[in-house]
Amino acid sequence: MSKLTEAMARRWGRILLALPSARLLVVGVGSERKRQSLLAALGESAGVLDRVRFAPRTDLEGYYRLMGEIDIALDTFPYGGGTTTFDALWMGVPVLTASGETSSSRSAASLLVALGMEEWIAAQADGVVPLAIERAADTATIARLRRTLRERLRRSPLMDEPGFAAAFAAALEQAWRERAAPPQ
């Protein structure tokens, strides 16, 4: 819940307002007080609260099953997703994010860049609303991504374990050579 800021919730509310058939699924907010806080921020955009659903934390199988109900995952800001972003992509759910100034606000963006999905990254948080509206209208791309994202991940540098291990070993060897070299 600490990642779900009021500013981001207001943006999500504006997305819902602009897309009358859109719904928002929020998972893992167990506290009624936190839910009400999130609903208050979302509710600043009139007429959207009836399209917000909360789901409890669940086991891994249930979590992956929930991914089947999502067309686009909206990343949080300024603290972006890492594991959750990867999980969504693995399950064929495109992720829409904003890139910020800190590493924690660029984590999802870095995964999307590795997949060649820069068009799913807003340059700043305020760009999330128009980008979400644009991406939601492209149902053909969403359908294609649902079918191809897992394989795209498999072929990406994100899952090239042998390549990563070789590059890491080379970096360690280079660091050792530089450290062990006699002073000049």
Protein backbone atom coordinates (compact mmCIF):
# COMPACT_ATOMS: atom_id res chain seq x y z
CA MET A 1 0.00 0.00 0.00
CA SER A 2 2.92 2.37 0.58
CA LYS A 3 3.51 2.33 -3.18
CA LEU A 4 -0.06 3.50 -3.86
CA THR A 5 0.25 7.25 -3.45
CA GLU A 6 -2.70 9.63 -3.57
CA ALA A 7 -1.21 11.37 -6.61
CA MET A 8 -1.04 8.08 -8.50
CA ALA A 9 -4.58 7.13 -7.41
CA ARG A 10 -5.86 10.48 -8.72
CA ARG A 11 -4.19 9.69 -12.06
CA TRP A 12 -5.81 6.27 -12.11
CA GLY A 13 -9.15 7.95 -11.41
CA ARG A 14 -8.64 10.23 -14.42
CA ILE A 15 -7.88 7.16 -16.55
CA LEU A 16 -11.11 5.52 -15.40
CA LEU A 17 -13.04 8.72 -16.08
CA ALA A 18 -11.67 8.90 -19.64
CA LEU A 19 -12.32 5.20 -20.33
CA PRO A 20 -15.94 4.48 -19.31
CA SER A 21 -15.63 0.72 -19.88
CA ALA A 22 -12.38 0.40 -17.90
CA ARG A 23 -12.23 -1.18 -14.47
CA LEU A 24 -9.49 -1.14 -11.87
CA LEU A 25 -8.45 -4.21 -9.90
CA VAL A 26 -6.33 -3.49 -6.81
CA VAL A 27 -4.78 -6.50 -5.11
CA GLY A 28 -3.48 -6.86 -1.60
CA VAL A 29 -4.88 -3.81 0.21
CA GLY A 30 -6.20 -5.55 3.30
CA SER A 31 -6.83 -2.58 5.56
CA GLU A 32 -10.26 -0.96 5.26
CA ARG A 33 -8.68 2.39 6.19
CA LYS A 34 -6.19 2.10 3.33
CA ARG A 35 -8.93 1.07 0.92
CA GLN A 36 -11.01 4.09 1.89
CA SER A 37 -8.00 6.37 1.47
CA LEU A 38 -7.37 4.98 -2.00
CA LEU A 39 -11.06 5.26 -2.91
CA ALA A 40 -11.12 8.88 -1.71
CA ALA A 41 -8.24 9.76 -4.05
CA LEU A 42 -9.76 7.79 -6.93
CA GLY A 43 -13.15 9.32 -6.23
CA GLU A 44 -11.97 12.81 -7.03
CA SER A 45 -12.91 11.76 -10.57
CA ALA A 46 -16.69 11.45 -10.18
CA GLY A 47 -18.40 8.26 -11.24
CA VAL A 48 -15.50 5.84 -11.17
CA LEU A 49 -15.75 4.14 -7.77
CA ASP A 50 -18.25 1.53 -8.94
CA ARG A 51 -15.58 0.23 -11.32
CA VAL A 52 -12.94 -0.36 -8.63
CA ARG A 53 -12.55 -3.85 -7.19
CA PHE A 54 -10.29 -4.97 -4.37
CA ALA A 55 -8.93 -8.50 -4.25
CA PRO A 56 -7.14 -9.93 -1.21
CA ARG A 57 -3.63 -11.27 -1.26
CA THR A 58 -3.72 -14.82 -2.48
CA ASP A 59 -1.49 -17.78 -3.13
CA LEU A 60 0.68 -17.86 -6.24
CA GLU A 61 -1.85 -19.78 -8.32
CA GLY A 62 -4.60 -17.30 -7.42
CA TYR A 63 -2.26 -14.39 -8.11
CA TYR A 64 -1.52 -15.67 -11.60
CA ARG A 65 -5.23 -16.34 -12.16
CA LEU A 66 -5.93 -12.67 -11.34
CA MET A 67 -3.50 -11.69 -14.11
CA GLY A 68 -5.96 -13.24 -16.54
CA GLU A 69 -8.46 -10.51 -15.62
CA ILE A 70 -6.10 -7.67 -16.49
CA ASP A 71 -5.62 -6.05 -19.90
CA ILE A 72 -3.03 -3.47 -18.80
CA ALA A 73 -1.14 -3.32 -15.52
CA LEU A 74 -0.67 0.20 -14.18
CA ASP A 75 2.61 0.64 -12.37
CA THR A 76 2.91 2.66 -9.19
CA PHE A 77 4.91 5.87 -8.93
CA PRO A 78 7.33 7.08 -7.61
CA TYR A 79 8.12 3.55 -6.39
CA GLY A 80 7.78 1.29 -9.39
CA GLY A 81 7.29 -2.43 -9.56
CA GLY A 82 10.01 -5.00 -10.02
CA THR A 83 8.85 -8.53 -9.34
CA THR A 84 5.19 -7.66 -9.91
CA THR A 85 6.09 -6.04 -13.23
CA PHE A 86 8.04 -9.11 -14.30
CA ASP A 87 5.17 -11.37 -13.20
CA ALA A 88 2.66 -9.35 -15.23
CA LEU A 89 4.86 -9.45 -18.32
CA TRP A 90 5.41 -13.19 -17.87
CA MET A 91 1.63 -13.67 -17.76
CA GLY A 92 1.21 -11.65 -20.95
CA VAL A 93 -0.01 -8.45 -19.35
CA PRO A 94 1.56 -5.28 -20.74
CA VAL A 95 2.66 -2.82 -18.07
CA LEU A 96 2.29 0.93 -18.34
CA THR A 97 4.76 2.93 -16.27
CA ALA A 98 6.38 6.31 -15.84
CA SER A 99 10.10 6.84 -15.61
CA GLY A 100 11.38 9.01 -12.80
CA GLU A 101 14.59 10.40 -11.40
CA THR A 102 15.42 7.60 -8.95
CA SER A 103 16.27 3.97 -9.54
CA SER A 104 13.14 2.90 -7.66
CA SER A 105 11.02 4.97 -10.05
CA ARG A 106 12.70 3.44 -13.11
CA SER A 107 12.61 -0.26 -12.25
CA ALA A 108 9.60 -1.15 -14.40
CA ALA A 109 10.83 1.13 -17.18
CA SER A 110 14.16 -0.71 -17.26
CA LEU A 111 12.36 -4.02 -17.78
CA LEU A 112 10.24 -2.55 -20.57
CA VAL A 113 13.30 -1.07 -22.29
CA ALA A 114 14.96 -4.51 -22.23
CA LEU A 115 11.88 -5.82 -24.06
CA GLY A 116 11.80 -3.00 -26.59
CA MET A 117 8.53 -1.66 -25.15
CA GLU A 118 9.49 1.98 -24.74
CA GLU A 119 6.07 3.01 -26.05
CA TRP A 120 4.62 1.81 -22.72
CA ILE A 121 6.75 4.28 -20.70
CA ALA A 122 5.60 7.80 -19.91
CA ALA A 123 8.48 10.26 -19.59
CA GLN A 124 6.96 11.58 -16.37
CA ALA A 125 4.11 10.65 -14.03
CA ASP A 126 1.70 13.17 -15.56
CA GLY A 127 2.10 11.41 -18.90
CA VAL A 128 0.56 8.20 -17.56
CA VAL A 129 -3.05 9.32 -18.12
CA PRO A 130 -2.83 10.17 -21.84
CA LEU A 131 -0.56 7.18 -22.48
CA ALA A 132 -2.99 4.80 -20.76
CA ILE A 133 -5.87 6.17 -22.81
CA GLU A 134 -3.85 5.74 -26.01
CA ARG A 135 -2.66 2.22 -25.17
CA ALA A 136 -6.14 1.05 -24.06
CA ALA A 137 -7.52 2.03 -27.47
CA ASP A 138 -5.04 -0.27 -29.22
CA THR A 139 -6.77 -3.55 -28.46
CA ALA A 140 -4.98 -5.35 -31.30
CA THR A 141 -1.58 -4.62 -29.73
CA ILE A 142 -2.83 -5.69 -26.29
CA ALA A 143 -4.09 -8.99 -27.78
CA ARG A 144 -0.78 -9.55 -29.59
CA LEU A 145 1.20 -8.86 -26.42
CA ARG A 146 -1.01 -11.27 -24.45
CA ARG A 147 0.08 -14.00 -26.89
CA THR A 148 3.76 -13.07 -27.27
CA LEU A 149 5.11 -11.46 -24.10
CA ARG A 150 6.25 -14.65 -22.42
CA GLU A 151 8.33 -15.72 -25.42
CA ARG A 152 9.61 -12.18 -25.79
CA LEU A 153 10.81 -12.34 -22.18
CA ARG A 154 12.46 -15.72 -22.77
CA ARG A 155 14.45 -14.31 -25.71
CA SER A 156 15.38 -11.08 -23.92
CA PRO A 157 18.55 -10.25 -21.98
CA LEU A 158 16.38 -10.40 -18.85
CA MET A 159 16.34 -14.20 -19.04
CA ASP A 160 19.72 -14.84 -20.65
CA GLU A 161 21.26 -16.46 -17.58
CA PRO A 162 24.35 -17.84 -19.39
CA GLY A 163 25.01 -14.45 -21.00
CA PHE A 164 24.60 -12.67 -17.67
CA ALA A 165 26.87 -15.15 -15.88
CA ALA A 166 29.58 -14.75 -18.57
CA ALA A 167 29.37 -10.94 -18.47
CA PHE A 168 29.45 -10.94 -14.66
CA ALA A 169 32.45 -13.29 -14.56
CA ALA A 170 34.28 -11.09 -17.09
CA ALA A 171 33.52 -7.99 -14.99
CA LEU A 172 34.85 -9.72 -11.86
CA GLU A 173 38.00 -10.79 -13.67
CA GLN A 174 38.54 -7.27 -14.97
CA ALA A 175 38.01 -5.79 -11.50
CA TRP A 176 40.48 -8.30 -10.04
CA ARG A 177 43.09 -7.47 -12.71
CA GLU A 178 42.70 -3.76 -12.04
CA ARG A 179 42.89 -4.27 -8.27
CA ALA A 180 45.86 -6.68 -8.47
CA ALA A 181 47.83 -4.56 -10.96
CA PRO A 182 50.93 -2.95 -9.45
CA PRO A 183 50.65 0.81 -8.90
CA GLN A 184 52.14 2.89 -11.68
